[in-house]
Amino acid sequence: MNTDIAILEFRPGPGGEEAKIWAYDLMRMYTRYANLCGWKVEQIAENVIRVRGEQAFAKLQYEAGTHRVQRIPATERSGRIHTSTATVAVLPEIPAQEIFIRPEDLEWEFYRSGGKGGQNVNKVSSAARVRHKPTGIVASAQTERDQFQNRAVALSILRAKLWEMEEIKHSQQLGAARSVIGRGMRAEKIRTYNFPQDRVTDHRINKSWRRLEDILDGKIDKVIQELQTAQV
């Protein structure tokens, strides 16, 4: 496992358009945090980024879980506060020799990317999506210039997701012996971002911080440090 690389995947929860916006806001927050750390960030799929930098996975691993936001959406005319969620998966890069995947277990699909990237991205079917038939896990990549590179990235994401699946099984087997922080448990509600009260609360360590807008702008180092300290 390479602790200097973290793959972050953002999935909107129930809540329609507001949940999608919240998932994007979280991706922006971690991108900005990575930039402040001097790390390199690549968006490798619509809802996936890869972060490279010293101890990137070690620092970000406890951000995995369900993030809840309470705020008035821009489209809300009556001023009513909505609650939305998005899940964040934080995965390491797993070398091919650590997780063997049988080629016959893979189902590939190649398509034209709808994202940015110029004529090559839009006119050539270079984007890759792979489904692992035994588990149903799907991974995709669309930002590299050719199909071969996107295949390699999609396989890397798939290995990370298979690793996460095994970690979740292991954590469930440990039961009460699990760490107070947890890792990779997407259903676990870990944090609430309350706009009316200008407060961010991490439910695992029962601690809150003010200046919510600053945190969403990437200034989350104090939060990450508290979680690392609690884990120790």
C-alpha atoms as a PDB file:
ATOM      1  CA  MET A   1       0.000   0.000   0.000  1.00  0.00           C
ATOM      2  CA  ASN A   2       1.248   3.461  -0.941  1.00  0.00           C
ATOM      3  CA  THR A   3       0.399   5.884   1.896  1.00  0.00           C
ATOM      4  CA  ASP A   4       1.378   8.876  -0.281  1.00  0.00           C
ATOM      5  CA  ILE A   5      -1.574   8.343  -2.656  1.00  0.00           C
ATOM      6  CA  ALA A   6      -5.258   8.642  -1.756  1.00  0.00           C
ATOM      7  CA  ILE A   7      -8.219   8.051  -4.064  1.00  0.00           C
ATOM      8  CA  LEU A   8     -11.324   9.968  -2.973  1.00  0.00           C
ATOM      9  CA  GLU A   9     -14.781   9.133  -4.328  1.00  0.00           C
ATOM     10  CA  PHE A  10     -17.817  11.341  -3.633  1.00  0.00           C
ATOM     11  CA  ARG A  11     -21.386  10.021  -3.826  1.00  0.00           C
ATOM     12  CA  PRO A  12     -24.487  12.162  -3.238  1.00  0.00           C
ATOM     13  CA  GLY A  13     -27.035  10.727  -0.847  1.00  0.00           C
ATOM     14  CA  PRO A  14     -30.818  11.163  -0.999  1.00  0.00           C
ATOM     15  CA  GLY A  15     -31.867  14.738  -1.651  1.00  0.00           C
ATOM     16  CA  GLY A  16     -31.792  15.277  -5.383  1.00  0.00           C
ATOM     17  CA  GLU A  17     -29.908  18.264  -6.761  1.00  0.00           C
ATOM     18  CA  GLU A  18     -28.899  19.642  -3.357  1.00  0.00           C
ATOM     19  CA  ALA A  19     -27.176  16.334  -2.493  1.00  0.00           C
ATOM     20  CA  LYS A  20     -25.265  16.487  -5.785  1.00  0.00           C
ATOM     21  CA  ILE A  21     -24.165  20.047  -5.023  1.00  0.00           C
ATOM     22  CA  TRP A  22     -23.049  18.956  -1.547  1.00  0.00           C
ATOM     23  CA  ALA A  23     -20.957  16.096  -2.972  1.00  0.00           C
ATOM     24  CA  TYR A  24     -19.306  18.617  -5.315  1.00  0.00           C
ATOM     25  CA  ASP A  25     -18.681  21.004  -2.394  1.00  0.00           C
ATOM     26  CA  LEU A  26     -16.898  18.224  -0.509  1.00  0.00           C
ATOM     27  CA  MET A  27     -14.743  17.395  -3.530  1.00  0.00           C
ATOM     28  CA  ARG A  28     -13.817  21.072  -3.791  1.00  0.00           C
ATOM     29  CA  MET A  29     -12.987  21.200  -0.045  1.00  0.00           C
ATOM     30  CA  TYR A  30     -10.548  18.288  -0.232  1.00  0.00           C
ATOM     31  CA  THR A  31      -9.052  19.573  -3.474  1.00  0.00           C
ATOM     32  CA  ARG A  32      -8.351  22.921  -1.821  1.00  0.00           C
ATOM     33  CA  TYR A  33      -6.939  21.223   1.266  1.00  0.00           C
ATOM     34  CA  ALA A  34      -4.608  19.170  -0.923  1.00  0.00           C
ATOM     35  CA  ASN A  35      -3.499  22.336  -2.721  1.00  0.00           C
ATOM     36  CA  LEU A  36      -2.744  24.000   0.624  1.00  0.00           C
ATOM     37  CA  CYS A  37      -0.638  20.949   1.540  1.00  0.00           C
ATOM     38  CA  GLY A  38       1.289  21.234  -1.734  1.00  0.00           C
ATOM     39  CA  TRP A  39      -0.054  17.904  -2.971  1.00  0.00           C
ATOM     40  CA  LYS A  40      -0.934  17.083  -6.579  1.00  0.00           C
ATOM     41  CA  VAL A  41      -4.616  16.537  -7.390  1.00  0.00           C
ATOM     42  CA  GLU A  42      -5.990  14.797 -10.479  1.00  0.00           C
ATOM     43  CA  GLN A  43      -9.688  14.426 -11.251  1.00  0.00           C
ATOM     44  CA  ILE A  44      -9.832  10.959 -12.776  1.00  0.00           C
ATOM     45  CA  ALA A  45     -13.631  10.627 -13.063  1.00  0.00           C
ATOM     46  CA  GLU A  46     -16.609  12.883 -12.569  1.00  0.00           C
ATOM     47  CA  ASN A  47     -16.785  12.131  -8.854  1.00  0.00           C
ATOM     48  CA  VAL A  48     -13.267  10.802  -8.153  1.00  0.00           C
ATOM     49  CA  ILE A  49      -9.974  12.554  -7.446  1.00  0.00           C
ATOM     50  CA  ARG A  50      -6.503  11.127  -6.871  1.00  0.00           C
ATOM     51  CA  VAL A  51      -4.264  12.955  -4.403  1.00  0.00           C
ATOM     52  CA  ARG A  52      -0.495  12.527  -4.392  1.00  0.00           C
ATOM     53  CA  GLY A  53       1.644  13.897  -1.589  1.00  0.00           C
ATOM     54  CA  GLU A  54       3.558  12.998   1.538  1.00  0.00           C
ATOM     55  CA  GLN A  55       1.341  10.835   3.782  1.00  0.00           C
ATOM     56  CA  ALA A  56      -1.789  11.818   1.815  1.00  0.00           C
ATOM     57  CA  PHE A  57      -3.678   8.612   2.592  1.00  0.00           C
ATOM     58  CA  ALA A  58      -2.461   8.530   6.183  1.00  0.00           C
ATOM     59  CA  LYS A  59      -3.903  12.012   6.754  1.00  0.00           C
ATOM     60  CA  LEU A  60      -7.129  11.639   4.792  1.00  0.00           C
ATOM     61  CA  GLN A  61      -8.168   8.092   5.701  1.00  0.00           C
ATOM     62  CA  TYR A  62     -10.410   9.168   8.596  1.00  0.00           C
ATOM     63  CA  GLU A  63     -12.452  11.428   6.305  1.00  0.00           C
ATOM     64  CA  ALA A  64     -14.263   8.359   4.966  1.00  0.00           C
ATOM     65  CA  GLY A  65     -17.948   8.146   5.820  1.00  0.00           C
ATOM     66  CA  THR A  66     -21.186  10.081   5.490  1.00  0.00           C
ATOM     67  CA  HIS A  67     -21.010  13.871   5.675  1.00  0.00           C
ATOM     68  CA  ARG A  68     -24.271  15.695   6.507  1.00  0.00           C
ATOM     69  CA  VAL A  69     -25.042  19.325   5.677  1.00  0.00           C
ATOM     70  CA  GLN A  70     -27.817  21.506   7.078  1.00  0.00           C
ATOM     71  CA  ARG A  71     -28.411  24.706   5.099  1.00  0.00           C
ATOM     72  CA  ILE A  72     -30.874  26.692   2.984  1.00  0.00           C
ATOM     73  CA  PRO A  73     -30.367  25.694  -0.667  1.00  0.00           C
ATOM     74  CA  ALA A  74     -30.036  28.453  -3.250  1.00  0.00           C
ATOM     75  CA  THR A  75     -33.204  27.142  -4.916  1.00  0.00           C
ATOM     76  CA  GLU A  76     -35.251  27.236  -1.692  1.00  0.00           C
ATOM     77  CA  ARG A  77     -37.710  30.171  -1.826  1.00  0.00           C
ATOM     78  CA  SER A  78     -39.315  29.771   1.576  1.00  0.00           C
ATOM     79  CA  GLY A  79     -36.054  29.876   3.531  1.00  0.00           C
ATOM     80  CA  ARG A  80     -36.469  26.334   4.821  1.00  0.00           C
ATOM     81  CA  ILE A  81     -33.349  24.519   6.031  1.00  0.00           C
ATOM     82  CA  HIS A  82     -32.645  21.272   4.160  1.00  0.00           C
ATOM     83  CA  THR A  83     -30.571  18.320   5.324  1.00  0.00           C
ATOM     84  CA  SER A  84     -28.536  16.489   2.700  1.00  0.00           C
ATOM     85  CA  THR A  85     -25.774  13.909   2.811  1.00  0.00           C
ATOM     86  CA  ALA A  86     -22.910  12.680   0.693  1.00  0.00           C
ATOM     87  CA  THR A  87     -20.535   9.807   1.296  1.00  0.00           C
ATOM     88  CA  VAL A  88     -16.783  10.018   0.915  1.00  0.00           C
ATOM     89  CA  ALA A  89     -14.648   6.949   0.280  1.00  0.00           C
ATOM     90  CA  VAL A  90     -10.908   7.344   0.922  1.00  0.00           C
ATOM     91  CA  LEU A  91      -8.936   4.549  -0.683  1.00  0.00           C
ATOM     92  CA  PRO A  92      -5.219   3.804  -0.946  1.00  0.00           C
ATOM     93  CA  GLU A  93      -3.498   2.831  -4.162  1.00  0.00           C
ATOM     94  CA  ILE A  94      -3.086  -0.948  -4.063  1.00  0.00           C
ATOM     95  CA  PRO A  95      -0.300  -2.508  -6.182  1.00  0.00           C
ATOM     96  CA  ALA A  96      -1.429  -5.101  -8.727  1.00  0.00           C
ATOM     97  CA  GLN A  97       0.564  -7.845  -6.997  1.00  0.00           C
ATOM     98  CA  GLU A  98      -1.386  -7.341  -3.728  1.00  0.00           C
ATOM     99  CA  ILE A  99      -4.848  -8.035  -5.181  1.00  0.00           C
ATOM    100  CA  PHE A 100      -5.153 -10.508  -8.031  1.00  0.00           C
ATOM    101  CA  ILE A 101      -8.098  -9.937 -10.365  1.00  0.00           C
ATOM    102  CA  ARG A 102      -8.907 -12.587 -12.960  1.00  0.00           C
ATOM    103  CA  PRO A 103      -9.348 -11.080 -16.444  1.00  0.00           C
ATOM    104  CA  GLU A 104     -12.407 -13.261 -17.052  1.00  0.00           C
ATOM    105  CA  ASP A 105     -14.095 -11.608 -14.056  1.00  0.00           C
ATOM    106  CA  LEU A 106     -13.991  -8.199 -15.737  1.00  0.00           C
ATOM    107  CA  GLU A 107     -16.564  -6.630 -18.029  1.00  0.00           C
ATOM    108  CA  TRP A 108     -15.243  -3.583 -19.909  1.00  0.00           C
ATOM    109  CA  GLU A 109     -17.079  -0.682 -21.534  1.00  0.00           C
ATOM    110  CA  PHE A 110     -15.477   2.158 -23.481  1.00  0.00           C
ATOM    111  CA  TYR A 111     -17.222   5.439 -24.200  1.00  0.00           C
ATOM    112  CA  ARG A 112     -16.690   9.066 -25.086  1.00  0.00           C
ATOM    113  CA  SER A 113     -16.108  11.329 -22.152  1.00  0.00           C
ATOM    114  CA  GLY A 114     -18.446  14.242 -21.682  1.00  0.00           C
ATOM    115  CA  GLY A 115     -15.991  16.181 -19.555  1.00  0.00           C
ATOM    116  CA  LYS A 116     -13.388  18.763 -20.360  1.00  0.00           C
ATOM    117  CA  GLY A 117     -10.284  17.876 -22.269  1.00  0.00           C
ATOM    118  CA  GLY A 118     -10.628  19.114 -25.817  1.00  0.00           C
ATOM    119  CA  GLN A 119     -11.424  17.307 -29.027  1.00  0.00           C
ATOM    120  CA  ASN A 120      -9.689  14.061 -28.118  1.00  0.00           C
ATOM    121  CA  VAL A 121     -11.865  13.545 -25.064  1.00  0.00           C
ATOM    122  CA  ASN A 122     -15.109  14.210 -26.919  1.00  0.00           C
ATOM    123  CA  LYS A 123     -14.455  12.418 -30.223  1.00  0.00           C
ATOM    124  CA  VAL A 124     -12.561   9.287 -29.157  1.00  0.00           C
ATOM    125  CA  SER A 125     -13.984   6.494 -26.983  1.00  0.00           C
ATOM    126  CA  SER A 126     -11.070   6.706 -24.568  1.00  0.00           C
ATOM    127  CA  ALA A 127     -12.988   6.640 -21.272  1.00  0.00           C
ATOM    128  CA  ALA A 128     -13.094   3.244 -19.565  1.00  0.00           C
ATOM    129  CA  ARG A 129     -15.569   1.614 -17.209  1.00  0.00           C
ATOM    130  CA  VAL A 130     -15.003  -1.803 -15.678  1.00  0.00           C
ATOM    131  CA  ARG A 131     -17.384  -4.014 -13.702  1.00  0.00           C
ATOM    132  CA  HIS A 132     -16.105  -6.767 -11.434  1.00  0.00           C
ATOM    133  CA  LYS A 133     -18.653  -9.501 -12.100  1.00  0.00           C
ATOM    134  CA  PRO A 134     -18.259 -11.476  -8.832  1.00  0.00           C
ATOM    135  CA  THR A 135     -18.956  -8.401  -6.659  1.00  0.00           C
ATOM    136  CA  GLY A 136     -20.737  -5.983  -8.998  1.00  0.00           C
ATOM    137  CA  ILE A 137     -18.239  -3.238  -8.136  1.00  0.00           C
ATOM    138  CA  VAL A 138     -17.815  -0.649 -10.893  1.00  0.00           C
ATOM    139  CA  ALA A 139     -14.884   1.712 -11.494  1.00  0.00           C
ATOM    140  CA  SER A 140     -14.309   4.224 -14.274  1.00  0.00           C
ATOM    141  CA  ALA A 141     -11.726   6.718 -15.524  1.00  0.00           C
ATOM    142  CA  GLN A 142     -12.072   9.311 -18.238  1.00  0.00           C
ATOM    143  CA  THR A 143      -9.438  12.015 -17.908  1.00  0.00           C
ATOM    144  CA  GLU A 144      -6.351  10.366 -19.381  1.00  0.00           C
ATOM    145  CA  ARG A 145      -5.633  10.918 -23.079  1.00  0.00           C
ATOM    146  CA  ASP A 146      -5.928   7.344 -24.280  1.00  0.00           C
ATOM    147  CA  GLN A 147      -7.908   4.218 -23.568  1.00  0.00           C
ATOM    148  CA  PHE A 148      -4.906   2.242 -22.312  1.00  0.00           C
ATOM    149  CA  GLN A 149      -4.171   4.814 -19.581  1.00  0.00           C
ATOM    150  CA  ASN A 150      -7.809   5.013 -18.530  1.00  0.00           C
ATOM    151  CA  ARG A 151      -7.979   1.208 -18.331  1.00  0.00           C
ATOM    152  CA  ALA A 152      -5.003   1.231 -15.964  1.00  0.00           C
ATOM    153  CA  VAL A 153      -6.568   3.947 -13.773  1.00  0.00           C
ATOM    154  CA  ALA A 154      -9.943   2.154 -13.676  1.00  0.00           C
ATOM    155  CA  LEU A 155      -8.216  -1.075 -12.600  1.00  0.00           C
ATOM    156  CA  SER A 156      -6.360   0.832  -9.884  1.00  0.00           C
ATOM    157  CA  ILE A 157      -9.664   2.171  -8.540  1.00  0.00           C
ATOM    158  CA  LEU A 158     -11.219  -1.287  -8.711  1.00  0.00           C
ATOM    159  CA  ARG A 159      -8.361  -2.803  -6.671  1.00  0.00           C
ATOM    160  CA  ALA A 160      -8.828  -0.050  -4.080  1.00  0.00           C
ATOM    161  CA  LYS A 161     -12.581  -0.746  -3.863  1.00  0.00           C
ATOM    162  CA  LEU A 162     -11.980  -4.467  -3.448  1.00  0.00           C
ATOM    163  CA  TRP A 163      -9.503  -3.643  -0.685  1.00  0.00           C
ATOM    164  CA  GLU A 164     -12.133  -1.415   0.965  1.00  0.00           C
ATOM    165  CA  MET A 165     -14.704  -4.219   0.810  1.00  0.00           C
ATOM    166  CA  GLU A 166     -12.341  -6.565   2.647  1.00  0.00           C
ATOM    167  CA  GLU A 167     -11.531  -3.856   5.221  1.00  0.00           C
ATOM    168  CA  ILE A 168     -15.240  -3.376   5.940  1.00  0.00           C
ATOM    169  CA  LYS A 169     -15.709  -7.137   6.395  1.00  0.00           C
ATOM    170  CA  HIS A 170     -12.729  -7.242   8.740  1.00  0.00           C
ATOM    171  CA  SER A 171     -14.028  -4.271  10.765  1.00  0.00           C
ATOM    172  CA  GLN A 172     -17.443  -5.902  11.134  1.00  0.00           C
ATOM    173  CA  GLN A 173     -15.811  -9.099  12.370  1.00  0.00           C
ATOM    174  CA  LEU A 174     -13.862  -7.125  14.982  1.00  0.00           C
ATOM    175  CA  GLY A 175     -17.100  -5.597  16.273  1.00  0.00           C
ATOM    176  CA  ALA A 176     -16.529  -3.741  19.527  1.00  0.00           C
ATOM    177  CA  ALA A 177     -12.779  -3.929  19.071  1.00  0.00           C
ATOM    178  CA  ARG A 178     -12.989  -1.460  16.175  1.00  0.00           C
ATOM    179  CA  SER A 179     -11.187   1.849  16.439  1.00  0.00           C
ATOM    180  CA  VAL A 180     -13.224   4.797  17.727  1.00  0.00           C
ATOM    181  CA  ILE A 181     -12.598   6.562  14.430  1.00  0.00           C
ATOM    182  CA  GLY A 182     -13.396   3.845  11.927  1.00  0.00           C
ATOM    183  CA  ARG A 183     -12.299   3.769   8.299  1.00  0.00           C
ATOM    184  CA  GLY A 184     -14.038   3.132   5.032  1.00  0.00           C
ATOM    185  CA  MET A 185     -17.496   2.623   6.526  1.00  0.00           C
ATOM    186  CA  ARG A 186     -19.561   4.596   4.062  1.00  0.00           C
ATOM    187  CA  ALA A 187     -22.815   4.261   6.013  1.00  0.00           C
ATOM    188  CA  GLU A 188     -21.275   5.767   9.141  1.00  0.00           C
ATOM    189  CA  LYS A 189     -22.386   9.380   9.698  1.00  0.00           C
ATOM    190  CA  ILE A 190     -19.163  11.024  10.750  1.00  0.00           C
ATOM    191  CA  ARG A 191     -19.717  14.785  10.513  1.00  0.00           C
ATOM    192  CA  THR A 192     -22.384  17.508  10.328  1.00  0.00           C
ATOM    193  CA  TYR A 193     -21.884  20.902   8.674  1.00  0.00           C
ATOM    194  CA  ASN A 194     -24.508  23.248  10.169  1.00  0.00           C
ATOM    195  CA  PHE A 195     -24.676  26.535   8.231  1.00  0.00           C
ATOM    196  CA  PRO A 196     -27.239  28.387  10.412  1.00  0.00           C
ATOM    197  CA  GLN A 197     -25.061  27.799  13.478  1.00  0.00           C
ATOM    198  CA  ASP A 198     -21.744  28.222  11.616  1.00  0.00           C
ATOM    199  CA  ARG A 199     -20.543  24.967  13.134  1.00  0.00           C
ATOM    200  CA  VAL A 200     -18.891  21.740  12.005  1.00  0.00           C
ATOM    201  CA  THR A 201     -19.222  18.768  14.361  1.00  0.00           C
ATOM    202  CA  ASP A 202     -17.390  15.468  14.163  1.00  0.00           C
ATOM    203  CA  HIS A 203     -19.579  12.894  15.881  1.00  0.00           C
ATOM    204  CA  ARG A 204     -16.818  10.353  16.468  1.00  0.00           C
ATOM    205  CA  ILE A 205     -14.838  12.579  18.800  1.00  0.00           C
ATOM    206  CA  ASN A 206     -17.775  14.844  19.798  1.00  0.00           C
ATOM    207  CA  LYS A 207     -15.917  18.029  18.899  1.00  0.00           C
ATOM    208  CA  SER A 208     -17.092  21.150  17.038  1.00  0.00           C
ATOM    209  CA  TRP A 209     -15.385  23.946  15.156  1.00  0.00           C
ATOM    210  CA  ARG A 210     -16.590  27.377  14.034  1.00  0.00           C
ATOM    211  CA  ARG A 211     -15.875  29.231  10.767  1.00  0.00           C
ATOM    212  CA  LEU A 212     -17.611  26.677   8.594  1.00  0.00           C
ATOM    213  CA  GLU A 213     -16.944  28.587   5.361  1.00  0.00           C
ATOM    214  CA  ASP A 214     -13.201  28.499   6.044  1.00  0.00           C
ATOM    215  CA  ILE A 215     -13.360  24.738   6.555  1.00  0.00           C
ATOM    216  CA  LEU A 216     -15.234  24.264   3.281  1.00  0.00           C
ATOM    217  CA  ASP A 217     -12.565  26.397   1.641  1.00  0.00           C
ATOM    218  CA  GLY A 218     -10.000  23.722   2.503  1.00  0.00           C
ATOM    219  CA  LYS A 219      -8.798  24.888   5.905  1.00  0.00           C
ATOM    220  CA  ILE A 220      -9.471  21.556   7.584  1.00  0.00           C
ATOM    221  CA  ASP A 221      -6.004  20.779   8.905  1.00  0.00           C
ATOM    222  CA  LYS A 222      -7.126  21.382  12.513  1.00  0.00           C
ATOM    223  CA  VAL A 223      -9.945  18.857  12.063  1.00  0.00           C
ATOM    224  CA  ILE A 224      -7.666  16.233  10.535  1.00  0.00           C
ATOM    225  CA  GLN A 225      -5.063  16.723  13.275  1.00  0.00           C
ATOM    226  CA  GLU A 226      -7.693  16.222  16.011  1.00  0.00           C
ATOM    227  CA  LEU A 227      -8.801  12.961  14.388  1.00  0.00           C
ATOM    228  CA  GLN A 228      -5.229  11.690  14.088  1.00  0.00           C
ATOM    229  CA  THR A 229      -4.595  12.543  17.744  1.00  0.00           C
ATOM    230  CA  ALA A 230      -7.756  10.740  18.833  1.00  0.00           C
ATOM    231  CA  GLN A 231      -6.749   7.698  16.800  1.00  0.00           C
ATOM    232  CA  VAL A 232      -3.378   7.516  18.540  1.00  0.00           C
END
